[in-house]
PDB file of N, CA and C in Angstrom:
ATOM      1  N   MET A   1       1.137   7.390   7.430  1.00  0.00           N
ATOM      2  CA  MET A   1       1.060   7.658   5.758  1.00  0.00           C
ATOM      3  C   MET A   1      -0.066   6.647   5.451  1.00  0.00           C
ATOM      4  N   SER A   2      -0.967   6.962   4.735  1.00  0.00           N
ATOM      5  CA  SER A   2      -2.065   5.778   4.446  1.00  0.00           C
ATOM      6  C   SER A   2      -1.522   4.809   3.690  1.00  0.00           C
ATOM      7  N   ASP A   3      -2.346   3.551   3.698  1.00  0.00           N
ATOM      8  CA  ASP A   3      -1.909   2.512   2.771  1.00  0.00           C
ATOM      9  C   ASP A   3      -2.303   2.846   1.207  1.00  0.00           C
ATOM     10  N   ASP A   4      -3.099   3.713   1.092  1.00  0.00           N
ATOM     11  CA  ASP A   4      -3.954   3.701  -0.119  1.00  0.00           C
ATOM     12  C   ASP A   4      -3.026   5.034  -0.812  1.00  0.00           C
ATOM     13  N   VAL A   5      -1.854   5.332  -0.502  1.00  0.00           N
ATOM     14  CA  VAL A   5      -1.195   6.587  -1.049  1.00  0.00           C
ATOM     15  C   VAL A   5      -1.078   6.334  -2.646  1.00  0.00           C
ATOM     16  N   LEU A   6      -0.961   5.043  -3.244  1.00  0.00           N
ATOM     17  CA  LEU A   6      -0.800   4.712  -4.531  1.00  0.00           C
ATOM     18  C   LEU A   6      -2.088   4.861  -5.246  1.00  0.00           C
ATOM     19  N   GLU A   7      -2.970   4.503  -4.669  1.00  0.00           N
ATOM     20  CA  GLU A   7      -4.484   4.784  -5.455  1.00  0.00           C
ATOM     21  C   GLU A   7      -4.598   6.247  -5.197  1.00  0.00           C
ATOM     22  N   ARG A   8      -4.579   7.105  -4.277  1.00  0.00           N
ATOM     23  CA  ARG A   8      -4.801   8.489  -4.309  1.00  0.00           C
ATOM     24  C   ARG A   8      -3.642   9.300  -5.598  1.00  0.00           C
ATOM     25  N   LEU A   9      -2.642   8.755  -5.606  1.00  0.00           N
ATOM     26  CA  LEU A   9      -1.701   9.165  -6.336  1.00  0.00           C
ATOM     27  C   LEU A   9      -2.141   8.730  -7.977  1.00  0.00           C
ATOM     28  N   ALA A  10      -2.592   7.807  -8.225  1.00  0.00           N
ATOM     29  CA  ALA A  10      -3.170   7.521  -9.379  1.00  0.00           C
ATOM     30  C   ALA A  10      -4.560   8.206  -9.644  1.00  0.00           C
ATOM     31  N   GLY A  11      -5.139   8.526  -8.578  1.00  0.00           N
ATOM     32  CA  GLY A  11      -6.372   9.615  -9.101  1.00  0.00           C
ATOM     33  C   GLY A  11      -5.866  11.034  -9.332  1.00  0.00           C
ATOM     34  N   VAL A  12      -4.798  11.328  -8.590  1.00  0.00           N
ATOM     35  CA  VAL A  12      -4.275  12.833  -9.087  1.00  0.00           C
ATOM     36  C   VAL A  12      -3.710  12.902 -10.401  1.00  0.00           C
ATOM     37  N   ILE A  13      -3.112  11.808 -10.911  1.00  0.00           N
ATOM     38  CA  ILE A  13      -2.551  11.472 -12.184  1.00  0.00           C
ATOM     39  C   ILE A  13      -3.936  11.501 -13.397  1.00  0.00           C
ATOM     40  N   ARG A  14      -4.684  10.843 -13.073  1.00  0.00           N
ATOM     41  CA  ARG A  14      -5.853  10.721 -13.852  1.00  0.00           C
ATOM     42  C   ARG A  14      -6.462  12.060 -13.894  1.00  0.00           C
ATOM     43  N   ASP A  15      -6.738  12.894 -12.704  1.00  0.00           N
ATOM     44  CA  ASP A  15      -7.041  14.072 -12.878  1.00  0.00           C
ATOM     45  C   ASP A  15      -6.400  15.444 -13.422  1.00  0.00           C
ATOM     46  N   ARG A  16      -5.220  15.071 -13.779  1.00  0.00           N
ATOM     47  CA  ARG A  16      -4.215  15.530 -14.720  1.00  0.00           C
ATOM     48  C   ARG A  16      -4.546  15.814 -15.923  1.00  0.00           C
ATOM     49  N   ARG A  17      -5.179  14.682 -16.395  1.00  0.00           N
ATOM     50  CA  ARG A  17      -5.464  14.574 -17.844  1.00  0.00           C
ATOM     51  C   ARG A  17      -6.157  15.974 -18.309  1.00  0.00           C
ATOM     52  N   THR A  18      -7.047  16.584 -17.465  1.00  0.00           N
ATOM     53  CA  THR A  18      -7.854  17.661 -17.680  1.00  0.00           C
ATOM     54  C   THR A  18      -7.283  19.060 -17.456  1.00  0.00           C
ATOM     55  N   ALA A  19      -5.770  19.242 -16.543  1.00  0.00           N
ATOM     56  CA  ALA A  19      -5.053  20.501 -16.204  1.00  0.00           C
ATOM     57  C   ALA A  19      -4.685  20.972 -17.366  1.00  0.00           C
ATOM     58  N   ALA A  20      -4.061  22.213 -17.097  1.00  0.00           N
ATOM     59  CA  ALA A  20      -3.379  22.944 -18.036  1.00  0.00           C
ATOM     60  C   ALA A  20      -2.219  22.468 -18.427  1.00  0.00           C
ATOM     61  N   ALA A  21      -1.630  22.326 -19.441  1.00  0.00           N
ATOM     62  CA  ALA A  21      -0.490  21.480 -20.083  1.00  0.00           C
ATOM     63  C   ALA A  21       0.609  22.444 -19.683  1.00  0.00           C
ATOM     64  N   ASP A  22       0.461  23.790 -19.513  1.00  0.00           N
ATOM     65  CA  ASP A  22       1.421  24.577 -19.355  1.00  0.00           C
ATOM     66  C   ASP A  22       2.038  24.590 -17.582  1.00  0.00           C
ATOM     67  N   LYS A  23       0.872  23.895 -16.911  1.00  0.00           N
ATOM     68  CA  LYS A  23       1.182  23.898 -15.287  1.00  0.00           C
ATOM     69  C   LYS A  23       1.263  22.653 -14.805  1.00  0.00           C
ATOM     70  N   SER A  24       1.172  21.760 -15.643  1.00  0.00           N
ATOM     71  CA  SER A  24       1.139  20.222 -15.346  1.00  0.00           C
ATOM     72  C   SER A  24       2.288  19.429 -15.985  1.00  0.00           C
ATOM     73  N   TYR A  25       3.419  18.885 -15.356  1.00  0.00           N
ATOM     74  CA  TYR A  25       4.327  17.898 -15.897  1.00  0.00           C
ATOM     75  C   TYR A  25       3.431  16.762 -16.265  1.00  0.00           C
ATOM     76  N   THR A  26       2.539  16.265 -15.527  1.00  0.00           N
ATOM     77  CA  THR A  26       1.772  15.096 -15.837  1.00  0.00           C
ATOM     78  C   THR A  26       1.159  15.143 -16.996  1.00  0.00           C
ATOM     79  N   ARG A  27       0.434  16.238 -17.287  1.00  0.00           N
ATOM     80  CA  ARG A  27      -0.412  16.335 -18.192  1.00  0.00           C
ATOM     81  C   ARG A  27       0.503  16.551 -19.489  1.00  0.00           C
ATOM     82  N   GLN A  28       1.652  17.144 -19.336  1.00  0.00           N
ATOM     83  CA  GLN A  28       2.633  17.155 -20.651  1.00  0.00           C
ATOM     84  C   GLN A  28       2.968  15.631 -21.010  1.00  0.00           C
ATOM     85  N   LEU A  29       3.334  14.963 -20.023  1.00  0.00           N
ATOM     86  CA  LEU A  29       3.811  13.560 -20.153  1.00  0.00           C
ATOM     87  C   LEU A  29       2.570  12.740 -20.610  1.00  0.00           C
ATOM     88  N   LEU A  30       1.368  12.780 -20.539  1.00  0.00           N
ATOM     89  CA  LEU A  30      -0.098  12.203 -21.193  1.00  0.00           C
ATOM     90  C   LEU A  30      -0.161  12.462 -22.562  1.00  0.00           C
ATOM     91  N   ASP A  31       0.285  14.121 -22.546  1.00  0.00           N
ATOM     92  CA  ASP A  31      -0.308  14.601 -24.056  1.00  0.00           C
ATOM     93  C   ASP A  31       0.804  13.823 -24.811  1.00  0.00           C
ATOM     94  N   GLY A  32       2.096  13.397 -24.545  1.00  0.00           N
ATOM     95  CA  GLY A  32       3.098  12.826 -25.339  1.00  0.00           C
ATOM     96  C   GLY A  32       2.853  11.301 -25.789  1.00  0.00           C
ATOM     97  N   GLY A  33       1.828  10.877 -25.249  1.00  0.00           N
ATOM     98  CA  GLY A  33       1.388   9.510 -25.473  1.00  0.00           C
ATOM     99  C   GLY A  33       2.122   8.475 -24.764  1.00  0.00           C
ATOM    100  N   VAL A  34       2.036   7.243 -24.665  1.00  0.00           N
ATOM    101  CA  VAL A  34       2.465   6.060 -24.038  1.00  0.00           C
ATOM    102  C   VAL A  34       3.788   6.051 -24.524  1.00  0.00           C
ATOM    103  N   GLY A  35       4.373   6.507 -25.473  1.00  0.00           N
ATOM    104  CA  GLY A  35       5.690   6.249 -25.808  1.00  0.00           C
ATOM    105  C   GLY A  35       6.499   7.001 -24.953  1.00  0.00           C
ATOM    106  N   LYS A  36       6.022   8.322 -24.908  1.00  0.00           N
ATOM    107  CA  LYS A  36       7.059   9.291 -24.155  1.00  0.00           C
ATOM    108  C   LYS A  36       6.819   8.801 -22.466  1.00  0.00           C
ATOM    109  N   CYS A  37       5.739   8.572 -22.129  1.00  0.00           N
ATOM    110  CA  CYS A  37       5.547   7.954 -20.847  1.00  0.00           C
ATOM    111  C   CYS A  37       6.444   6.869 -20.622  1.00  0.00           C
ATOM    112  N   ALA A  38       6.265   5.883 -21.333  1.00  0.00           N
ATOM    113  CA  ALA A  38       7.212   4.681 -21.218  1.00  0.00           C
ATOM    114  C   ALA A  38       8.806   4.901 -21.475  1.00  0.00           C
ATOM    115  N   ARG A  39       9.146   5.738 -22.297  1.00  0.00           N
ATOM    116  CA  ARG A  39      10.628   6.159 -22.169  1.00  0.00           C
ATOM    117  C   ARG A  39      10.957   6.915 -20.795  1.00  0.00           C
ATOM    118  N   LYS A  40      10.119   7.539 -20.350  1.00  0.00           N
ATOM    119  CA  LYS A  40      10.345   8.185 -19.006  1.00  0.00           C
ATOM    120  C   LYS A  40      10.596   7.319 -17.933  1.00  0.00           C
ATOM    121  N   LEU A  41       9.492   6.369 -18.109  1.00  0.00           N
ATOM    122  CA  LEU A  41       9.458   5.185 -17.146  1.00  0.00           C
ATOM    123  C   LEU A  41      11.070   4.266 -17.013  1.00  0.00           C
ATOM    124  N   GLY A  42      11.566   4.166 -18.396  1.00  0.00           N
ATOM    125  CA  GLY A  42      12.770   3.517 -18.568  1.00  0.00           C
ATOM    126  C   GLY A  42      13.810   4.260 -17.896  1.00  0.00           C
ATOM    127  N   GLU A  43      13.819   5.536 -18.034  1.00  0.00           N
ATOM    128  CA  GLU A  43      14.560   6.348 -17.539  1.00  0.00           C
ATOM    129  C   GLU A  43      14.870   6.349 -16.037  1.00  0.00           C
ATOM    130  N   GLU A  44      13.873   6.163 -15.329  1.00  0.00           N
ATOM    131  CA  GLU A  44      13.253   6.174 -14.014  1.00  0.00           C
ATOM    132  C   GLU A  44      13.934   4.864 -13.501  1.00  0.00           C
ATOM    133  N   ALA A  45      13.741   3.905 -14.215  1.00  0.00           N
ATOM    134  CA  ALA A  45      14.146   2.620 -14.067  1.00  0.00           C
ATOM    135  C   ALA A  45      15.610   2.266 -14.013  1.00  0.00           C
ATOM    136  N   VAL A  46      16.244   3.096 -14.887  1.00  0.00           N
ATOM    137  CA  VAL A  46      17.783   2.758 -14.825  1.00  0.00           C
ATOM    138  C   VAL A  46      18.295   3.652 -13.810  1.00  0.00           C
ATOM    139  N   GLU A  47      17.775   5.130 -13.507  1.00  0.00           N
ATOM    140  CA  GLU A  47      18.106   5.603 -12.334  1.00  0.00           C
ATOM    141  C   GLU A  47      18.178   5.110 -10.886  1.00  0.00           C
ATOM    142  N   THR A  48      17.053   4.291 -10.981  1.00  0.00           N
ATOM    143  CA  THR A  48      16.837   3.375  -9.655  1.00  0.00           C
ATOM    144  C   THR A  48      17.877   2.374  -9.480  1.00  0.00           C
ATOM    145  N   ILE A  49      18.142   1.759 -10.619  1.00  0.00           N
ATOM    146  CA  ILE A  49      19.087   0.487 -10.727  1.00  0.00           C
ATOM    147  C   ILE A  49      20.459   1.417 -10.275  1.00  0.00           C
ATOM    148  N   ILE A  50      20.731   2.389 -10.862  1.00  0.00           N
ATOM    149  CA  ILE A  50      22.182   3.363 -10.491  1.00  0.00           C
ATOM    150  C   ILE A  50      21.959   3.624  -8.897  1.00  0.00           C
ATOM    151  N   ALA A  51      20.899   3.932  -8.495  1.00  0.00           N
ATOM    152  CA  ALA A  51      20.855   4.375  -7.089  1.00  0.00           C
ATOM    153  C   ALA A  51      21.010   2.982  -6.047  1.00  0.00           C
ATOM    154  N   ALA A  52      20.396   1.799  -6.637  1.00  0.00           N
ATOM    155  CA  ALA A  52      20.199   0.754  -5.796  1.00  0.00           C
ATOM    156  C   ALA A  52      21.675   0.388  -5.918  1.00  0.00           C
ATOM    157  N   THR A  53      22.437   0.225  -6.776  1.00  0.00           N
ATOM    158  CA  THR A  53      23.849  -0.487  -6.568  1.00  0.00           C
ATOM    159  C   THR A  53      24.885   0.552  -6.215  1.00  0.00           C
ATOM    160  N   SER A  54      24.622   2.177  -6.060  1.00  0.00           N
ATOM    161  CA  SER A  54      26.034   2.698  -5.913  1.00  0.00           C
ATOM    162  C   SER A  54      25.787   4.182  -5.066  1.00  0.00           C
ATOM    163  N   GLN A  55      24.505   4.169  -4.620  1.00  0.00           N
ATOM    164  CA  GLN A  55      24.143   5.302  -4.182  1.00  0.00           C
ATOM    165  C   GLN A  55      23.502   5.252  -2.795  1.00  0.00           C
ATOM    166  N   SER A  56      23.150   6.354  -1.867  1.00  0.00           N
ATOM    167  CA  SER A  56      22.675   6.466  -0.494  1.00  0.00           C
ATOM    168  C   SER A  56      21.128   5.510  -0.419  1.00  0.00           C
ATOM    169  N   ASP A  57      21.178   5.256   0.606  1.00  0.00           N
ATOM    170  CA  ASP A  57      19.499   4.814   0.850  1.00  0.00           C
ATOM    171  C   ASP A  57      18.488   5.884   0.663  1.00  0.00           C
ATOM    172  N   ASP A  58      18.854   7.059   0.859  1.00  0.00           N
ATOM    173  CA  ASP A  58      17.935   8.386   0.547  1.00  0.00           C
ATOM    174  C   ASP A  58      17.715   8.459  -0.873  1.00  0.00           C
ATOM    175  N   GLU A  59      18.866   8.373  -1.620  1.00  0.00           N
ATOM    176  CA  GLU A  59      18.627   8.314  -2.906  1.00  0.00           C
ATOM    177  C   GLU A  59      18.187   7.360  -3.650  1.00  0.00           C
ATOM    178  N   LEU A  60      17.973   6.312  -3.118  1.00  0.00           N
ATOM    179  CA  LEU A  60      17.449   4.952  -3.786  1.00  0.00           C
ATOM    180  C   LEU A  60      15.936   5.329  -3.233  1.00  0.00           C
ATOM    181  N   THR A  61      15.787   5.746  -2.212  1.00  0.00           N
ATOM    182  CA  THR A  61      14.184   5.909  -1.882  1.00  0.00           C
ATOM    183  C   THR A  61      13.565   7.010  -2.670  1.00  0.00           C
ATOM    184  N   SER A  62      14.359   8.070  -2.929  1.00  0.00           N
ATOM    185  CA  SER A  62      13.940   9.175  -3.725  1.00  0.00           C
ATOM    186  C   SER A  62      13.621   8.518  -5.372  1.00  0.00           C
ATOM    187  N   GLU A  63      14.552   7.783  -5.853  1.00  0.00           N
ATOM    188  CA  GLU A  63      14.664   7.230  -7.178  1.00  0.00           C
ATOM    189  C   GLU A  63      13.332   6.333  -7.347  1.00  0.00           C
ATOM    190  N   ALA A  64      13.003   5.446  -6.153  1.00  0.00           N
ATOM    191  CA  ALA A  64      11.823   4.491  -6.097  1.00  0.00           C
ATOM    192  C   ALA A  64      10.392   5.117  -6.077  1.00  0.00           C
ATOM    193  N   ALA A  65      10.536   6.389  -5.511  1.00  0.00           N
ATOM    194  CA  ALA A  65       9.555   7.175  -5.684  1.00  0.00           C
ATOM    195  C   ALA A  65       9.063   7.654  -6.962  1.00  0.00           C
ATOM    196  N   ASP A  66       9.942   8.148  -7.839  1.00  0.00           N
ATOM    197  CA  ASP A  66       9.783   8.554  -9.114  1.00  0.00           C
ATOM    198  C   ASP A  66       9.509   7.494  -9.830  1.00  0.00           C
ATOM    199  N   LEU A  67       9.966   6.442  -9.784  1.00  0.00           N
ATOM    200  CA  LEU A  67       9.717   5.003 -10.584  1.00  0.00           C
ATOM    201  C   LEU A  67       8.289   4.649 -10.299  1.00  0.00           C
ATOM    202  N   LEU A  68       7.772   5.014  -9.125  1.00  0.00           N
ATOM    203  CA  LEU A  68       6.459   4.386  -8.980  1.00  0.00           C
ATOM    204  C   LEU A  68       5.354   5.421  -9.651  1.00  0.00           C
ATOM    205  N   TYR A  69       5.903   6.750  -9.619  1.00  0.00           N
ATOM    206  CA  TYR A  69       4.879   7.831 -10.245  1.00  0.00           C
ATOM    207  C   TYR A  69       4.772   7.365 -11.727  1.00  0.00           C
ATOM    208  N   HIS A  70       6.385   7.291 -12.151  1.00  0.00           N
ATOM    209  CA  HIS A  70       6.118   7.385 -13.505  1.00  0.00           C
ATOM    210  C   HIS A  70       5.235   5.961 -14.058  1.00  0.00           C
ATOM    211  N   LEU A  71       5.509   4.707 -13.335  1.00  0.00           N
ATOM    212  CA  LEU A  71       4.851   3.686 -13.671  1.00  0.00           C
ATOM    213  C   LEU A  71       2.990   3.869 -13.832  1.00  0.00           C
ATOM    214  N   LEU A  72       2.816   4.706 -12.660  1.00  0.00           N
ATOM    215  CA  LEU A  72       1.321   5.078 -12.691  1.00  0.00           C
ATOM    216  C   LEU A  72       1.152   6.119 -13.835  1.00  0.00           C
ATOM    217  N   VAL A  73       1.947   6.964 -14.247  1.00  0.00           N
ATOM    218  CA  VAL A  73       1.760   7.409 -15.461  1.00  0.00           C
ATOM    219  C   VAL A  73       1.546   6.733 -16.495  1.00  0.00           C
ATOM    220  N   VAL A  74       2.358   5.953 -17.180  1.00  0.00           N
ATOM    221  CA  VAL A  74       2.116   4.802 -18.000  1.00  0.00           C
ATOM    222  C   VAL A  74       0.967   4.092 -17.994  1.00  0.00           C
ATOM    223  N   LEU A  75       0.549   3.301 -16.721  1.00  0.00           N
ATOM    224  CA  LEU A  75      -0.986   2.922 -16.763  1.00  0.00           C
ATOM    225  C   LEU A  75      -1.769   3.734 -16.982  1.00  0.00           C
ATOM    226  N   GLU A  76      -1.821   5.148 -16.739  1.00  0.00           N
ATOM    227  CA  GLU A  76      -2.977   6.096 -17.034  1.00  0.00           C
ATOM    228  C   GLU A  76      -2.927   6.178 -18.463  1.00  0.00           C
ATOM    229  N   SER A  77      -1.783   6.334 -19.052  1.00  0.00           N
ATOM    230  CA  SER A  77      -1.850   6.582 -20.644  1.00  0.00           C
ATOM    231  C   SER A  77      -2.462   5.393 -21.478  1.00  0.00           C
ATOM    232  N   ARG A  78      -2.285   4.220 -21.033  1.00  0.00           N
ATOM    233  CA  ARG A  78      -3.049   2.928 -21.395  1.00  0.00           C
ATOM    234  C   ARG A  78      -4.223   2.873 -20.853  1.00  0.00           C
ATOM    235  N   GLU A  79      -4.928   3.693 -19.838  1.00  0.00           N
ATOM    236  CA  GLU A  79      -6.175   3.725 -19.230  1.00  0.00           C
ATOM    237  C   GLU A  79      -6.292   2.339 -18.506  1.00  0.00           C
ATOM    238  N   ILE A  80      -5.220   1.777 -17.873  1.00  0.00           N
ATOM    239  CA  ILE A  80      -5.433   0.852 -17.074  1.00  0.00           C
ATOM    240  C   ILE A  80      -5.237   1.294 -15.557  1.00  0.00           C
ATOM    241  N   ALA A  81      -6.297   0.632 -14.847  1.00  0.00           N
ATOM    242  CA  ALA A  81      -6.624   1.101 -13.552  1.00  0.00           C
ATOM    243  C   ALA A  81      -5.696   0.350 -12.618  1.00  0.00           C
ATOM    244  N   LEU A  82      -5.220   0.949 -11.574  1.00  0.00           N
ATOM    245  CA  LEU A  82      -4.057   0.625 -10.629  1.00  0.00           C
ATOM    246  C   LEU A  82      -4.876  -0.678  -9.852  1.00  0.00           C
ATOM    247  N   SER A  83      -6.047  -0.328  -9.695  1.00  0.00           N
ATOM    248  CA  SER A  83      -6.789  -1.278  -9.125  1.00  0.00           C
ATOM    249  C   SER A  83      -6.723  -2.661  -9.825  1.00  0.00           C
ATOM    250  N   ASP A  84      -6.837  -2.608 -11.117  1.00  0.00           N
ATOM    251  CA  ASP A  84      -6.435  -3.954 -11.990  1.00  0.00           C
ATOM    252  C   ASP A  84      -5.187  -4.673 -11.798  1.00  0.00           C
ATOM    253  N   VAL A  85      -4.119  -3.971 -11.432  1.00  0.00           N
ATOM    254  CA  VAL A  85      -2.779  -4.341 -10.978  1.00  0.00           C
ATOM    255  C   VAL A  85      -2.576  -5.125  -9.500  1.00  0.00           C
ATOM    256  N   LEU A  86      -3.263  -4.303  -8.460  1.00  0.00           N
ATOM    257  CA  LEU A  86      -3.484  -4.798  -7.386  1.00  0.00           C
ATOM    258  C   LEU A  86      -4.228  -5.667  -7.124  1.00  0.00           C
ATOM    259  N   LYS A  87      -5.191  -6.190  -8.024  1.00  0.00           N
ATOM    260  CA  LYS A  87      -6.124  -7.409  -7.970  1.00  0.00           C
ATOM    261  C   LYS A  87      -5.052  -8.608  -8.324  1.00  0.00           C
ATOM    262  N   ILE A  88      -4.231  -8.236  -9.647  1.00  0.00           N
ATOM    263  CA  ILE A  88      -3.402  -9.595  -9.876  1.00  0.00           C
ATOM    264  C   ILE A  88      -2.169  -9.711  -8.649  1.00  0.00           C
ATOM    265  N   LEU A  89      -1.786  -8.523  -8.192  1.00  0.00           N
ATOM    266  CA  LEU A  89      -0.751  -8.778  -7.102  1.00  0.00           C
ATOM    267  C   LEU A  89      -1.351  -9.675  -5.892  1.00  0.00           C
ATOM    268  N   GLU A  90      -2.552  -9.297  -5.573  1.00  0.00           N
ATOM    269  CA  GLU A  90      -3.382  -9.744  -4.336  1.00  0.00           C
ATOM    270  C   GLU A  90      -3.383 -11.638  -4.704  1.00  0.00           C
ATOM    271  N   GLY A  91      -3.949 -11.810  -5.951  1.00  0.00           N
ATOM    272  CA  GLY A  91      -3.987 -12.930  -6.217  1.00  0.00           C
ATOM    273  C   GLY A  91      -2.719 -13.963  -6.158  1.00  0.00           C
ATOM    274  N   ARG A  92      -1.663 -13.076  -6.312  1.00  0.00           N
ATOM    275  CA  ARG A  92      -0.394 -13.872  -6.127  1.00  0.00           C
ATOM    276  C   ARG A  92      -0.064 -14.209  -4.670  1.00  0.00           C
ATOM    277  N   MET A  93      -0.420 -13.306  -3.973  1.00  0.00           N
ATOM    278  CA  MET A  93      -0.136 -13.414  -2.536  1.00  0.00           C
ATOM    279  C   MET A  93      -0.132 -14.869  -2.015  1.00  0.00           C
ATOM    280  N   GLY A  94       0.733 -15.633  -1.330  1.00  0.00           N
ATOM    281  CA  GLY A  94       0.893 -16.823  -0.820  1.00  0.00           C
ATOM    282  C   GLY A  94       1.154 -17.636  -1.788  1.00  0.00           C
ATOM    283  N   VAL A  95       1.236 -17.293  -2.961  1.00  0.00           N
ATOM    284  CA  VAL A  95       1.617 -18.485  -4.129  1.00  0.00           C
ATOM    285  C   VAL A  95       3.103 -18.132  -4.302  1.00  0.00           C
ATOM    286  N   SER A  96       4.069 -19.539  -4.260  1.00  0.00           N
ATOM    287  CA  SER A  96       5.350 -19.247  -4.486  1.00  0.00           C
ATOM    288  C   SER A  96       5.561 -18.525  -6.052  1.00  0.00           C
ATOM    289  N   GLY A  97       6.928 -17.705  -5.879  1.00  0.00           N
ATOM    290  CA  GLY A  97       7.251 -17.167  -7.002  1.00  0.00           C
ATOM    291  C   GLY A  97       7.277 -18.133  -8.324  1.00  0.00           C
ATOM    292  N   PHE A  98       7.961 -19.388  -8.102  1.00  0.00           N
ATOM    293  CA  PHE A  98       8.158 -20.176  -9.051  1.00  0.00           C
ATOM    294  C   PHE A  98       6.968 -20.917  -9.796  1.00  0.00           C
ATOM    295  N   GLU A  99       5.846 -20.929  -8.605  1.00  0.00           N
ATOM    296  CA  GLU A  99       4.508 -21.634  -8.949  1.00  0.00           C
ATOM    297  C   GLU A  99       3.661 -20.681  -9.943  1.00  0.00           C
ATOM    298  N   GLU A 100       4.021 -19.405  -9.579  1.00  0.00           N
ATOM    299  CA  GLU A 100       3.118 -18.203 -10.309  1.00  0.00           C
ATOM    300  C   GLU A 100       3.669 -18.288 -11.816  1.00  0.00           C
ATOM    301  N   LYS A 101       5.153 -18.003 -11.936  1.00  0.00           N
ATOM    302  CA  LYS A 101       5.500 -18.353 -13.126  1.00  0.00           C
ATOM    303  C   LYS A 101       5.642 -19.167 -14.102  1.00  0.00           C
ATOM    304  N   ALA A 102       5.394 -20.438 -13.507  1.00  0.00           N
ATOM    305  CA  ALA A 102       5.119 -21.719 -13.945  1.00  0.00           C
ATOM    306  C   ALA A 102       3.879 -21.580 -14.708  1.00  0.00           C
ATOM    307  N   SER A 103       2.708 -21.262 -13.844  1.00  0.00           N
ATOM    308  CA  SER A 103       1.372 -21.134 -13.994  1.00  0.00           C
ATOM    309  C   SER A 103       1.324 -20.177 -15.440  1.00  0.00           C
ATOM    310  N   ARG A 104       2.064 -19.322 -15.401  1.00  0.00           N
ATOM    311  CA  ARG A 104       1.692 -18.336 -16.633  1.00  0.00           C
ATOM    312  C   ARG A 104       2.580 -18.858 -17.707  1.00  0.00           C
ATOM    313  N   ALA A 105       3.536 -19.446 -17.736  1.00  0.00           N
ATOM    314  CA  ALA A 105       4.115 -20.390 -18.650  1.00  0.00           C
ATOM    315  C   ALA A 105       3.132 -21.120 -19.219  1.00  0.00           C
ATOM    316  N   GLU A 106       2.398 -22.082 -18.613  1.00  0.00           N
ATOM    317  CA  GLU A 106       1.679 -22.889 -18.949  1.00  0.00           C
ATOM    318  C   GLU A 106       0.204 -22.361 -19.642  1.00  0.00           C
ATOM    319  N   SER A 107       0.017 -21.358 -19.406  1.00  0.00           N
ATOM    320  CA  SER A 107      -1.402 -20.868 -19.808  1.00  0.00           C
ATOM    321  C   SER A 107      -1.201 -19.734 -21.080  1.00  0.00           C
ATOM    322  N   GLY A 108       0.154 -19.328 -21.239  1.00  0.00           N
ATOM    323  CA  GLY A 108       0.454 -18.666 -22.550  1.00  0.00           C
ATOM    324  C   GLY A 108       1.550 -18.758 -23.402  1.00  0.00           C
TER     325      GLY A 108
END
């Protein structure tokens, strides 16, 4: 599997903005606005938590995939590029989580 699968999926989601609404679940979500997209992300987060604490590895893996997809839909609904999120993550690589959180608290 390619390392850029999330970037390719983000591109597919972006392309779905112009797909026929009756044939694209993604388009229906995007047409519902950020609120609808965020609610669905929340539902998937809860399902992922349940799977993590009480279900099989396969069920957790499936729910994690759903969660990532819905996160990408939320980002698209706000017109935030995945590459912008990845840049932030890359900048945090090699920095202690405690240090990173402290720097955000000091600046914000």
